[in-house]
């Protein structure tokens, strides 16, 4: 099977608890190339992201404010091994939509 760059996660964060947005499947690795966070509300909201667990040692994006009606975008490279996780958290419930694009490699 051919490796395909695709949308691997999209959801509106419905609570202020950290959630696992993506877990690399067994026997695969992944390269994350784009993460977009959209604030669809009329007030600013914060967003935080971790790779490999939600402890401070795993923060890849500290609490960052996304303007009302605005968005934030990560365009870089995150390499992930099998079973590695990417977790996200909103500071306001139902305020942010997160979309992650990447490549799963077999």
PDB file of N, CA and C in Angstrom:
ATOM      1  N   UNK A   1       0.842  -1.185   0.000  1.00  0.00           N
ATOM      2  CA  UNK A   1       0.000   0.000   0.000  1.00  0.00           C
ATOM      3  C   UNK A   1       0.884   1.244   0.000  1.00  0.00           C
ATOM      4  N   UNK A   2       0.465   2.258  -0.703  1.00  0.00           N
ATOM      5  CA  UNK A   2       1.205   3.508  -0.800  1.00  0.00           C
ATOM      6  C   UNK A   2       0.940   4.381   0.426  1.00  0.00           C
ATOM      7  N   UNK A   3       1.994   5.016   0.923  1.00  0.00           N
ATOM      8  CA  UNK A   3       1.835   5.962   2.021  1.00  0.00           C
ATOM      9  C   UNK A   3       1.190   7.229   1.471  1.00  0.00           C
ATOM     10  N   UNK A   4       0.165   7.738   2.178  1.00  0.00           N
ATOM     11  CA  UNK A   4      -0.601   8.879   1.678  1.00  0.00           C
ATOM     12  C   UNK A   4      -0.643   9.977   2.724  1.00  0.00           C
ATOM     13  N   UNK A   5      -0.325  11.198   2.294  1.00  0.00           N
ATOM     14  CA  UNK A   5      -0.467  12.376   3.143  1.00  0.00           C
ATOM     15  C   UNK A   5      -1.956  12.684   3.228  1.00  0.00           C
ATOM     16  N   UNK A   6      -2.503  12.774   4.449  1.00  0.00           N
ATOM     17  CA  UNK A   6      -3.943  12.967   4.581  1.00  0.00           C
ATOM     18  C   UNK A   6      -4.301  13.623   5.908  1.00  0.00           C
ATOM     19  N   UNK A   7      -5.591  13.942   6.038  1.00  0.00           N
ATOM     20  CA  UNK A   7      -6.120  14.448   7.302  1.00  0.00           C
ATOM     21  C   UNK A   7      -6.233  13.259   8.239  1.00  0.00           C
ATOM     22  N   UNK A   8      -5.542  13.321   9.382  1.00  0.00           N
ATOM     23  CA  UNK A   8      -5.576  12.194  10.305  1.00  0.00           C
ATOM     24  C   UNK A   8      -6.409  12.483  11.555  1.00  0.00           C
ATOM     25  N   UNK A   9      -6.831  13.732  11.723  1.00  0.00           N
ATOM     26  CA  UNK A   9      -7.677  14.074  12.877  1.00  0.00           C
ATOM     27  C   UNK A   9      -8.365  15.392  12.608  1.00  0.00           C
ATOM     28  N   UNK A  10      -9.643  15.465  12.962  1.00  0.00           N
ATOM     29  CA  UNK A  10     -10.356  16.737  12.970  1.00  0.00           C
ATOM     30  C   UNK A  10     -11.493  16.623  13.971  1.00  0.00           C
ATOM     31  N   UNK A  11     -11.545  17.576  14.893  1.00  0.00           N
ATOM     32  CA  UNK A  11     -12.615  17.569  15.887  1.00  0.00           C
ATOM     33  C   UNK A  11     -12.725  18.933  16.542  1.00  0.00           C
ATOM     34  N   UNK A  12     -13.907  19.221  17.042  1.00  0.00           N
ATOM     35  CA  UNK A  12     -14.106  20.394  17.875  1.00  0.00           C
ATOM     36  C   UNK A  12     -13.884  19.938  19.313  1.00  0.00           C
ATOM     37  N   UNK A  13     -13.053  20.653  20.036  1.00  0.00           N
ATOM     38  CA  UNK A  13     -12.771  20.295  21.427  1.00  0.00           C
ATOM     39  C   UNK A  13     -13.969  20.702  22.272  1.00  0.00           C
ATOM     40  N   UNK A  14     -14.597  19.724  22.916  1.00  0.00           N
ATOM     41  CA  UNK A  14     -15.855  19.962  23.626  1.00  0.00           C
ATOM     42  C   UNK A  14     -15.700  20.052  25.137  1.00  0.00           C
ATOM     43  N   UNK A  15     -14.473  19.991  25.619  1.00  0.00           N
ATOM     44  CA  UNK A  15     -14.232  20.181  27.045  1.00  0.00           C
ATOM     45  C   UNK A  15     -12.870  20.828  27.220  1.00  0.00           C
ATOM     46  N   UNK A  16     -12.546  21.145  28.459  1.00  0.00           N
ATOM     47  CA  UNK A  16     -11.247  21.746  28.733  1.00  0.00           C
ATOM     48  C   UNK A  16     -10.238  20.707  29.221  1.00  0.00           C
ATOM     49  N   UNK A  17     -10.585  19.433  29.106  1.00  0.00           N
ATOM     50  CA  UNK A  17      -9.660  18.357  29.458  1.00  0.00           C
ATOM     51  C   UNK A  17      -8.762  18.040  28.266  1.00  0.00           C
ATOM     52  N   UNK A  18      -7.538  17.621  28.544  1.00  0.00           N
ATOM     53  CA  UNK A  18      -6.642  17.190  27.479  1.00  0.00           C
ATOM     54  C   UNK A  18      -7.196  15.907  26.861  1.00  0.00           C
ATOM     55  N   UNK A  19      -7.131  15.810  25.533  1.00  0.00           N
ATOM     56  CA  UNK A  19      -7.574  14.612  24.823  1.00  0.00           C
ATOM     57  C   UNK A  19      -6.475  14.135  23.888  1.00  0.00           C
ATOM     58  N   UNK A  20      -6.423  12.836  23.692  1.00  0.00           N
ATOM     59  CA  UNK A  20      -5.478  12.281  22.727  1.00  0.00           C
ATOM     60  C   UNK A  20      -6.083  12.449  21.338  1.00  0.00           C
ATOM     61  N   UNK A  21      -5.456  13.297  20.541  1.00  0.00           N
ATOM     62  CA  UNK A  21      -5.964  13.571  19.199  1.00  0.00           C
ATOM     63  C   UNK A  21      -5.522  12.507  18.209  1.00  0.00           C
ATOM     64  N   UNK A  22      -4.353  11.920  18.438  1.00  0.00           N
ATOM     65  CA  UNK A  22      -3.833  10.963  17.474  1.00  0.00           C
ATOM     66  C   UNK A  22      -2.865  10.019  18.168  1.00  0.00           C
ATOM     67  N   UNK A  23      -2.971   8.760  17.818  1.00  0.00           N
ATOM     68  CA  UNK A  23      -2.029   7.733  18.255  1.00  0.00           C
ATOM     69  C   UNK A  23      -1.523   7.029  17.005  1.00  0.00           C
ATOM     70  N   UNK A  24      -0.216   6.947  16.851  1.00  0.00           N
ATOM     71  CA  UNK A  24       0.357   6.276  15.687  1.00  0.00           C
ATOM     72  C   UNK A  24       0.017   4.785  15.772  1.00  0.00           C
ATOM     73  N   UNK A  25      -0.553   4.220  14.710  1.00  0.00           N
ATOM     74  CA  UNK A  25      -0.893   2.794  14.726  1.00  0.00           C
ATOM     75  C   UNK A  25       0.344   1.898  14.892  1.00  0.00           C
ATOM     76  N   UNK A  26       0.105   0.691  15.370  1.00  0.00           N
ATOM     77  CA  UNK A  26       1.187  -0.289  15.528  1.00  0.00           C
ATOM     78  C   UNK A  26       1.852  -0.536  14.172  1.00  0.00           C
ATOM     79  N   UNK A  27       3.147  -0.777  14.210  1.00  0.00           N
ATOM     80  CA  UNK A  27       3.951  -1.095  13.019  1.00  0.00           C
ATOM     81  C   UNK A  27       4.003   0.047  12.007  1.00  0.00           C
ATOM     82  N   UNK A  28       3.712   1.250  12.443  1.00  0.00           N
ATOM     83  CA  UNK A  28       3.806   2.423  11.560  1.00  0.00           C
ATOM     84  C   UNK A  28       4.571   3.527  12.272  1.00  0.00           C
ATOM     85  N   UNK A  29       4.991   4.501  11.510  1.00  0.00           N
ATOM     86  CA  UNK A  29       5.503   5.753  12.057  1.00  0.00           C
ATOM     87  C   UNK A  29       4.732   6.862  11.350  1.00  0.00           C
ATOM     88  N   UNK A  30       4.864   8.078  11.827  1.00  0.00           N
ATOM     89  CA  UNK A  30       4.110   9.178  11.229  1.00  0.00           C
ATOM     90  C   UNK A  30       4.951  10.445  11.193  1.00  0.00           C
ATOM     91  N   UNK A  31       4.639  11.256  10.211  1.00  0.00           N
ATOM     92  CA  UNK A  31       5.224  12.595  10.106  1.00  0.00           C
ATOM     93  C   UNK A  31       4.050  13.570  10.066  1.00  0.00           C
ATOM     94  N   UNK A  32       3.975  14.425  11.060  1.00  0.00           N
ATOM     95  CA  UNK A  32       2.928  15.450  11.125  1.00  0.00           C
ATOM     96  C   UNK A  32       3.491  16.713  10.496  1.00  0.00           C
ATOM     97  N   UNK A  33       2.769  17.260   9.517  1.00  0.00           N
ATOM     98  CA  UNK A  33       3.254  18.425   8.791  1.00  0.00           C
ATOM     99  C   UNK A  33       2.415  19.679   8.995  1.00  0.00           C
ATOM    100  N   UNK A  34       1.155  19.517   9.398  1.00  0.00           N
ATOM    101  CA  UNK A  34       0.292  20.685   9.504  1.00  0.00           C
ATOM    102  C   UNK A  34      -0.737  20.475  10.600  1.00  0.00           C
ATOM    103  N   UNK A  35      -0.856  21.471  11.476  1.00  0.00           N
ATOM    104  CA  UNK A  35      -1.886  21.475  12.503  1.00  0.00           C
ATOM    105  C   UNK A  35      -2.537  22.855  12.467  1.00  0.00           C
ATOM    106  N   UNK A  36      -3.851  22.880  12.273  1.00  0.00           N
ATOM    107  CA  UNK A  36      -4.583  24.146  12.239  1.00  0.00           C
ATOM    108  C   UNK A  36      -5.596  24.142  13.373  1.00  0.00           C
ATOM    109  N   UNK A  37      -5.634  25.245  14.127  1.00  0.00           N
ATOM    110  CA  UNK A  37      -6.569  25.413  15.231  1.00  0.00           C
ATOM    111  C   UNK A  37      -7.419  26.642  14.908  1.00  0.00           C
ATOM    112  N   UNK A  38      -8.731  26.442  14.816  1.00  0.00           N
ATOM    113  CA  UNK A  38      -9.654  27.520  14.440  1.00  0.00           C
ATOM    114  C   UNK A  38     -10.561  27.840  15.619  1.00  0.00           C
ATOM    115  N   UNK A  39     -10.664  29.117  15.939  1.00  0.00           N
ATOM    116  CA  UNK A  39     -11.563  29.586  17.004  1.00  0.00           C
ATOM    117  C   UNK A  39     -12.813  30.146  16.336  1.00  0.00           C
ATOM    118  N   UNK A  40     -13.936  29.463  16.507  1.00  0.00           N
ATOM    119  CA  UNK A  40     -15.181  29.874  15.861  1.00  0.00           C
ATOM    120  C   UNK A  40     -16.060  30.734  16.752  1.00  0.00           C
ATOM    121  N   UNK A  41     -15.532  31.155  17.904  1.00  0.00           N
ATOM    122  CA  UNK A  41     -16.335  31.938  18.841  1.00  0.00           C
ATOM    123  C   UNK A  41     -15.994  33.425  18.764  1.00  0.00           C
ATOM    124  N   UNK A  42     -16.709  34.209  19.554  1.00  0.00           N
ATOM    125  CA  UNK A  42     -16.524  35.657  19.573  1.00  0.00           C
ATOM    126  C   UNK A  42     -15.546  36.111  20.659  1.00  0.00           C
ATOM    127  N   UNK A  43     -14.903  35.170  21.341  1.00  0.00           N
ATOM    128  CA  UNK A  43     -13.903  35.512  22.359  1.00  0.00           C
ATOM    129  C   UNK A  43     -12.636  34.688  22.140  1.00  0.00           C
ATOM    130  N   UNK A  44     -11.528  35.214  22.600  1.00  0.00           N
ATOM    131  CA  UNK A  44     -10.259  34.496  22.477  1.00  0.00           C
ATOM    132  C   UNK A  44     -10.299  33.212  23.305  1.00  0.00           C
ATOM    133  N   UNK A  45      -9.546  32.202  22.877  1.00  0.00           N
ATOM    134  CA  UNK A  45      -9.466  30.932  23.598  1.00  0.00           C
ATOM    135  C   UNK A  45      -8.029  30.427  23.537  1.00  0.00           C
ATOM    136  N   UNK A  46      -7.616  29.671  24.548  1.00  0.00           N
ATOM    137  CA  UNK A  46      -6.257  29.147  24.557  1.00  0.00           C
ATOM    138  C   UNK A  46      -6.228  27.699  24.089  1.00  0.00           C
ATOM    139  N   UNK A  47      -5.043  27.297  23.633  1.00  0.00           N
ATOM    140  CA  UNK A  47      -4.814  25.962  23.095  1.00  0.00           C
ATOM    141  C   UNK A  47      -3.435  25.498  23.533  1.00  0.00           C
ATOM    142  N   UNK A  48      -3.333  24.202  23.884  1.00  0.00           N
ATOM    143  CA  UNK A  48      -2.061  23.626  24.319  1.00  0.00           C
ATOM    144  C   UNK A  48      -1.908  22.258  23.662  1.00  0.00           C
ATOM    145  N   UNK A  49      -0.645  21.846  23.393  1.00  0.00           N
ATOM    146  CA  UNK A  49      -0.415  20.571  22.724  1.00  0.00           C
ATOM    147  C   UNK A  49       0.826  19.868  23.274  1.00  0.00           C
ATOM    148  N   UNK A  50       0.735  18.512  23.330  1.00  0.00           N
ATOM    149  CA  UNK A  50       1.840  17.681  23.826  1.00  0.00           C
ATOM    150  C   UNK A  50       2.098  16.540  22.856  1.00  0.00           C
ATOM    151  N   UNK A  51       3.324  16.050  22.858  1.00  0.00           N
ATOM    152  CA  UNK A  51       3.672  14.833  22.121  1.00  0.00           C
ATOM    153  C   UNK A  51       4.228  13.816  23.107  1.00  0.00           C
ATOM    154  N   UNK A  52       3.614  12.632  23.179  1.00  0.00           N
ATOM    155  CA  UNK A  52       4.116  11.558  24.020  1.00  0.00           C
ATOM    156  C   UNK A  52       3.613  11.564  25.449  1.00  0.00           C
ATOM    157  N   UNK A  53       2.636  12.367  25.786  1.00  0.00           N
ATOM    158  CA  UNK A  53       2.098  12.440  27.143  1.00  0.00           C
ATOM    159  C   UNK A  53       1.812  13.875  27.499  1.00  0.00           C
ATOM    160  N   UNK A  54       1.038  14.098  28.546  1.00  0.00           N
ATOM    161  CA  UNK A  54       0.605  15.463  28.861  1.00  0.00           C
ATOM    162  C   UNK A  54       1.429  16.148  29.949  1.00  0.00           C
ATOM    163  N   UNK A  55       2.559  15.609  30.313  1.00  0.00           N
ATOM    164  CA  UNK A  55       3.402  16.264  31.310  1.00  0.00           C
ATOM    165  C   UNK A  55       4.167  17.433  30.721  1.00  0.00           C
ATOM    166  N   UNK A  56       4.665  18.297  31.583  1.00  0.00           N
ATOM    167  CA  UNK A  56       5.396  19.479  31.141  1.00  0.00           C
ATOM    168  C   UNK A  56       6.597  19.141  30.258  1.00  0.00           C
ATOM    169  N   UNK A  57       7.208  18.000  30.473  1.00  0.00           N
ATOM    170  CA  UNK A  57       8.368  17.605  29.671  1.00  0.00           C
ATOM    171  C   UNK A  57       7.989  17.300  28.223  1.00  0.00           C
ATOM    172  N   UNK A  58       6.693  17.135  27.948  1.00  0.00           N
ATOM    173  CA  UNK A  58       6.234  16.767  26.604  1.00  0.00           C
ATOM    174  C   UNK A  58       5.531  17.895  25.851  1.00  0.00           C
ATOM    175  N   UNK A  59       5.508  19.093  26.417  1.00  0.00           N
ATOM    176  CA  UNK A  59       4.824  20.218  25.773  1.00  0.00           C
ATOM    177  C   UNK A  59       5.538  20.594  24.479  1.00  0.00           C
ATOM    178  N   UNK A  60       4.777  20.648  23.392  1.00  0.00           N
ATOM    179  CA  UNK A  60       5.350  21.157  22.144  1.00  0.00           C
ATOM    180  C   UNK A  60       4.734  22.503  21.762  1.00  0.00           C
ATOM    181  N   UNK A  61       3.615  22.846  22.397  1.00  0.00           N
ATOM    182  CA  UNK A  61       3.019  24.167  22.235  1.00  0.00           C
ATOM    183  C   UNK A  61       2.410  24.561  23.573  1.00  0.00           C
ATOM    184  N   UNK A  62       2.996  25.552  24.260  1.00  0.00           N
ATOM    185  CA  UNK A  62       2.434  25.968  25.548  1.00  0.00           C
ATOM    186  C   UNK A  62       1.093  26.664  25.320  1.00  0.00           C
ATOM    187  N   UNK A  63       0.378  26.953  26.388  1.00  0.00           N
ATOM    188  CA  UNK A  63      -0.916  27.631  26.265  1.00  0.00           C
ATOM    189  C   UNK A  63      -0.752  28.876  25.399  1.00  0.00           C
ATOM    190  N   UNK A  64      -1.437  28.866  24.270  1.00  0.00           N
ATOM    191  CA  UNK A  64      -1.334  29.919  23.270  1.00  0.00           C
ATOM    192  C   UNK A  64      -2.726  30.448  22.977  1.00  0.00           C
ATOM    193  N   UNK A  65      -2.887  31.766  22.938  1.00  0.00           N
ATOM    194  CA  UNK A  65      -4.192  32.362  22.695  1.00  0.00           C
ATOM    195  C   UNK A  65      -4.488  32.422  21.193  1.00  0.00           C
ATOM    196  N   UNK A  66      -5.697  31.989  20.845  1.00  0.00           N
ATOM    197  CA  UNK A  66      -6.198  32.091  19.474  1.00  0.00           C
ATOM    198  C   UNK A  66      -7.291  33.157  19.495  1.00  0.00           C
ATOM    199  N   UNK A  67      -7.120  34.224  18.716  1.00  0.00           N
ATOM    200  CA  UNK A  67      -8.072  35.328  18.699  1.00  0.00           C
ATOM    201  C   UNK A  67      -9.476  34.869  18.314  1.00  0.00           C
ATOM    202  N   UNK A  68     -10.477  35.615  18.751  1.00  0.00           N
ATOM    203  CA  UNK A  68     -11.862  35.357  18.365  1.00  0.00           C
ATOM    204  C   UNK A  68     -11.968  35.352  16.848  1.00  0.00           C
ATOM    205  N   UNK A  69     -12.571  34.312  16.291  1.00  0.00           N
ATOM    206  CA  UNK A  69     -12.727  34.225  14.842  1.00  0.00           C
ATOM    207  C   UNK A  69     -11.419  33.990  14.102  1.00  0.00           C
ATOM    208  N   UNK A  70     -10.352  33.697  14.818  1.00  0.00           N
ATOM    209  CA  UNK A  70      -9.044  33.534  14.193  1.00  0.00           C
ATOM    210  C   UNK A  70      -8.579  32.094  14.161  1.00  0.00           C
ATOM    211  N   UNK A  71      -7.322  31.929  13.789  1.00  0.00           N
ATOM    212  CA  UNK A  71      -6.744  30.594  13.745  1.00  0.00           C
ATOM    213  C   UNK A  71      -5.245  30.669  14.004  1.00  0.00           C
ATOM    214  N   UNK A  72      -4.702  29.536  14.390  1.00  0.00           N
ATOM    215  CA  UNK A  72      -3.271  29.375  14.543  1.00  0.00           C
ATOM    216  C   UNK A  72      -2.854  28.174  13.725  1.00  0.00           C
ATOM    217  N   UNK A  73      -1.635  28.195  13.212  1.00  0.00           N
ATOM    218  CA  UNK A  73      -1.202  27.109  12.349  1.00  0.00           C
ATOM    219  C   UNK A  73       0.221  26.697  12.666  1.00  0.00           C
ATOM    220  N   UNK A  74       0.435  25.393  12.750  1.00  0.00           N
ATOM    221  CA  UNK A  74       1.768  24.828  12.895  1.00  0.00           C
ATOM    222  C   UNK A  74       2.133  24.208  11.557  1.00  0.00           C
ATOM    223  N   UNK A  75       3.245  24.657  11.000  1.00  0.00           N
ATOM    224  CA  UNK A  75       3.763  24.043   9.782  1.00  0.00           C
ATOM    225  C   UNK A  75       5.219  23.756  10.042  1.00  0.00           C
ATOM    226  N   UNK A  76       5.490  22.523  10.321  1.00  0.00           N
ATOM    227  CA  UNK A  76       6.838  22.090  10.629  1.00  0.00           C
ATOM    228  C   UNK A  76       6.873  20.594  10.464  1.00  0.00           C
ATOM    229  N   UNK A  77       7.698  19.945  11.245  1.00  0.00           N
ATOM    230  CA  UNK A  77       7.785  18.493  11.169  1.00  0.00           C
ATOM    231  C   UNK A  77       7.807  17.921  12.575  1.00  0.00           C
ATOM    232  N   UNK A  78       6.867  17.024  12.852  1.00  0.00           N
ATOM    233  CA  UNK A  78       6.881  16.230  14.072  1.00  0.00           C
ATOM    234  C   UNK A  78       7.013  14.786  13.635  1.00  0.00           C
ATOM    235  N   UNK A  79       8.058  14.113  14.070  1.00  0.00           N
ATOM    236  CA  UNK A  79       8.201  12.699  13.755  1.00  0.00           C
ATOM    237  C   UNK A  79       7.695  11.895  14.939  1.00  0.00           C
ATOM    238  N   UNK A  80       6.965  10.822  14.623  1.00  0.00           N
ATOM    239  CA  UNK A  80       6.337  10.025  15.663  1.00  0.00           C
ATOM    240  C   UNK A  80       6.533   8.542  15.367  1.00  0.00           C
ATOM    241  N   UNK A  81       6.809   7.761  16.403  1.00  0.00           N
ATOM    242  CA  UNK A  81       6.968   6.311  16.286  1.00  0.00           C
ATOM    243  C   UNK A  81       5.655   5.615  16.635  1.00  0.00           C
ATOM    244  N   UNK A  82       5.587   4.320  16.364  1.00  0.00           N
ATOM    245  CA  UNK A  82       4.400   3.530  16.688  1.00  0.00           C
ATOM    246  C   UNK A  82       4.012   3.734  18.154  1.00  0.00           C
ATOM    247  N   UNK A  83       2.734   3.910  18.406  1.00  0.00           N
ATOM    248  CA  UNK A  83       2.134   4.111  19.732  1.00  0.00           C
ATOM    249  C   UNK A  83       2.384   5.499  20.327  1.00  0.00           C
ATOM    250  N   UNK A  84       3.153   6.353  19.656  1.00  0.00           N
ATOM    251  CA  UNK A  84       3.360   7.724  20.128  1.00  0.00           C
ATOM    252  C   UNK A  84       2.042   8.485  20.005  1.00  0.00           C
ATOM    253  N   UNK A  85       1.832   9.467  20.881  1.00  0.00           N
ATOM    254  CA  UNK A  85       0.566  10.204  20.902  1.00  0.00           C
ATOM    255  C   UNK A  85       0.767  11.697  20.718  1.00  0.00           C
ATOM    256  N   UNK A  86      -0.285  12.340  20.244  1.00  0.00           N
ATOM    257  CA  UNK A  86      -0.361  13.789  20.146  1.00  0.00           C
ATOM    258  C   UNK A  86      -1.631  14.181  20.887  1.00  0.00           C
ATOM    259  N   UNK A  87      -1.496  14.985  21.950  1.00  0.00           N
ATOM    260  CA  UNK A  87      -2.641  15.381  22.783  1.00  0.00           C
ATOM    261  C   UNK A  87      -2.861  16.883  22.685  1.00  0.00           C
ATOM    262  N   UNK A  88      -4.124  17.300  22.783  1.00  0.00           N
ATOM    263  CA  UNK A  88      -4.488  18.709  22.665  1.00  0.00           C
ATOM    264  C   UNK A  88      -5.438  19.094  23.799  1.00  0.00           C
ATOM    265  N   UNK A  89      -5.489  20.387  24.082  1.00  0.00           N
ATOM    266  CA  UNK A  89      -6.382  20.876  25.139  1.00  0.00           C
ATOM    267  C   UNK A  89      -6.808  22.304  24.825  1.00  0.00           C
ATOM    268  N   UNK A  90      -8.097  22.558  24.968  1.00  0.00           N
ATOM    269  CA  UNK A  90      -8.631  23.912  24.805  1.00  0.00           C
ATOM    270  C   UNK A  90      -8.847  24.531  26.174  1.00  0.00           C
ATOM    271  N   UNK A  91      -8.685  25.836  26.267  1.00  0.00           N
ATOM    272  CA  UNK A  91      -8.946  26.540  27.510  1.00  0.00           C
ATOM    273  C   UNK A  91     -10.420  26.855  27.690  1.00  0.00           C
ATOM    274  N   UNK A  92     -11.203  26.734  26.596  1.00  0.00           N
ATOM    275  CA  UNK A  92     -12.639  26.988  26.623  1.00  0.00           C
ATOM    276  C   UNK A  92     -13.336  25.869  25.860  1.00  0.00           C
ATOM    277  N   UNK A  93     -14.320  25.246  26.455  1.00  0.00           N
ATOM    278  CA  UNK A  93     -15.027  24.143  25.800  1.00  0.00           C
ATOM    279  C   UNK A  93     -15.763  24.623  24.553  1.00  0.00           C
ATOM    280  N   UNK A  94     -15.779  23.804  23.516  1.00  0.00           N
ATOM    281  CA  UNK A  94     -16.492  24.052  22.255  1.00  0.00           C
ATOM    282  C   UNK A  94     -16.046  25.317  21.549  1.00  0.00           C
ATOM    283  N   UNK A  95     -14.813  25.736  21.785  1.00  0.00           N
ATOM    284  CA  UNK A  95     -14.345  26.963  21.165  1.00  0.00           C
ATOM    285  C   UNK A  95     -13.406  26.724  19.999  1.00  0.00           C
ATOM    286  N   UNK A  96     -12.744  25.578  19.969  1.00  0.00           N
ATOM    287  CA  UNK A  96     -11.682  25.362  18.997  1.00  0.00           C
ATOM    288  C   UNK A  96     -11.901  24.094  18.173  1.00  0.00           C
ATOM    289  N   UNK A  97     -11.624  24.198  16.886  1.00  0.00           N
ATOM    290  CA  UNK A  97     -11.608  23.040  16.009  1.00  0.00           C
ATOM    291  C   UNK A  97     -10.166  22.783  15.610  1.00  0.00           C
ATOM    292  N   UNK A  98      -9.725  21.537  15.771  1.00  0.00           N
ATOM    293  CA  UNK A  98      -8.343  21.156  15.487  1.00  0.00           C
ATOM    294  C   UNK A  98      -8.329  20.215  14.289  1.00  0.00           C
ATOM    295  N   UNK A  99      -7.450  20.504  13.319  1.00  0.00           N
ATOM    296  CA  UNK A  99      -7.269  19.643  12.156  1.00  0.00           C
ATOM    297  C   UNK A  99      -5.785  19.322  12.030  1.00  0.00           C
ATOM    298  N   UNK A 100      -5.470  18.025  11.917  1.00  0.00           N
ATOM    299  CA  UNK A 100      -4.087  17.580  11.821  1.00  0.00           C
ATOM    300  C   UNK A 100      -3.917  16.813  10.504  1.00  0.00           C
ATOM    301  N   UNK A 101      -2.897  17.191   9.731  1.00  0.00           N
ATOM    302  CA  UNK A 101      -2.548  16.485   8.498  1.00  0.00           C
ATOM    303  C   UNK A 101      -1.171  15.877   8.645  1.00  0.00           C
ATOM    304  N   UNK A 102      -1.028  14.671   8.139  1.00  0.00           N
ATOM    305  CA  UNK A 102       0.253  14.010   8.232  1.00  0.00           C
ATOM    306  C   UNK A 102       0.363  12.813   7.318  1.00  0.00           C
ATOM    307  N   UNK A 103       1.451  12.100   7.468  1.00  0.00           N
ATOM    308  CA  UNK A 103       1.761  10.940   6.651  1.00  0.00           C
ATOM    309  C   UNK A 103       2.050   9.764   7.568  1.00  0.00           C
ATOM    310  N   UNK A 104       1.281   8.682   7.396  1.00  0.00           N
ATOM    311  CA  UNK A 104       1.562   7.444   8.118  1.00  0.00           C
ATOM    312  C   UNK A 104       2.427   6.571   7.212  1.00  0.00           C
ATOM    313  N   UNK A 105       3.513   6.061   7.774  1.00  0.00           N
ATOM    314  CA  UNK A 105       4.482   5.294   7.001  1.00  0.00           C
ATOM    315  C   UNK A 105       4.517   3.855   7.496  1.00  0.00           C
ATOM    316  N   UNK A 106       4.402   2.903   6.571  1.00  0.00           N
ATOM    317  CA  UNK A 106       4.454   1.496   6.937  1.00  0.00           C
ATOM    318  C   UNK A 106       5.850   0.938   6.770  1.00  0.00           C
TER     319      UNK A 106
END
